[in-house]
């Protein structure tokens, strides 16, 4: 079942007996639970109406038993189950808690009209081999929350600002993605902060976003790599010294530079095999937006130069860690040496 369809039903006062939520996007998953809870109860009823379980500590049988028990002082009962065992792909079986999934399957044949069970599976995928999973799928109880891509995240941020009577530009949304990454919890906090500053009817542009959000080390490393690509070594050294002023470790900076260069090299290789950005993201274990940014940077480098930069960074890392060269001075000398690459 699609999350939008489920939310529409809930908004109309129709509650299904069981929902199984899963996926990498924990923020939207939690928002779904919050929306359902608010739709089922008043603020005073929540303490009596919501019961929580964790399958790592308690058998799923007890959650079923709770669902079968009539609620007290409230019309309905919401049973929230955090699961990493019963339905999760790769979930550990044979742990300290013994589960009987057949109890839940029997309950689903004749579910209580006064109870709603929500199983929040902390996994990207469900174990499709299990009978319980197949039964839940047949009952359209499964709701997936995959990560949003860059375009969807931008649209979501602009919409969130609009819901607060503010206008956010695409450029401002891009900057927030650069600085906060794909973490929706952090993006939500940043958008809300900017909305508060802009005031009702205000506009949030890239300048405001830049002034009111903190630049990340990764963002400065990206800028540093851009300077290396364009052989603007004076700018690269300036950015490096600014990172030192912020008390960033030279070894950490070198590691971040190496990581980005390695990702760019891998992307170049995958592009030769006609991988799509989404496929590259899955192959590299990165968010599609991070792949998009790295792909843009990689086009400024030849494959051979990336390999050469990585090899020299590996040597520098060894020298810094073994005390052959001073850490701060070593990385600065490395950057200065790149100014000799006019023919690269």
Foldseek 3Di string as FASTA:
>chain_A
DELVVQLVCLVVVHADQEAEEEADQVPVVVVSVVSNLVSQDPPVCSVQAEAEEEVLVEEVLVLLVVQVDQGPPGQAHEYEYEYQADWAVVHDPPDPYHYDVVSVVVCVVPGDPRYHYYYYYYYRDTDPVDPSNVVCVVVVRYYYDYQDALVVQLVVLQVLLVVLQEGEDSLLSVVLCQAVNRNVVVSSVLSVVLSVVQDHNGYHYNVSSPVPDDHDLLNLLLVLLVCLLVLVLVVNLVSLVVVVVVVDFLLVSLVSNLVLLVLLLVLVVVVVVVDDLVRSCVVVVHHSVSSVSSPVSSVSDDNVVSVVLNVVSVVLSVCCVVVVDPRSVSVSVVSVVSNVVPVD
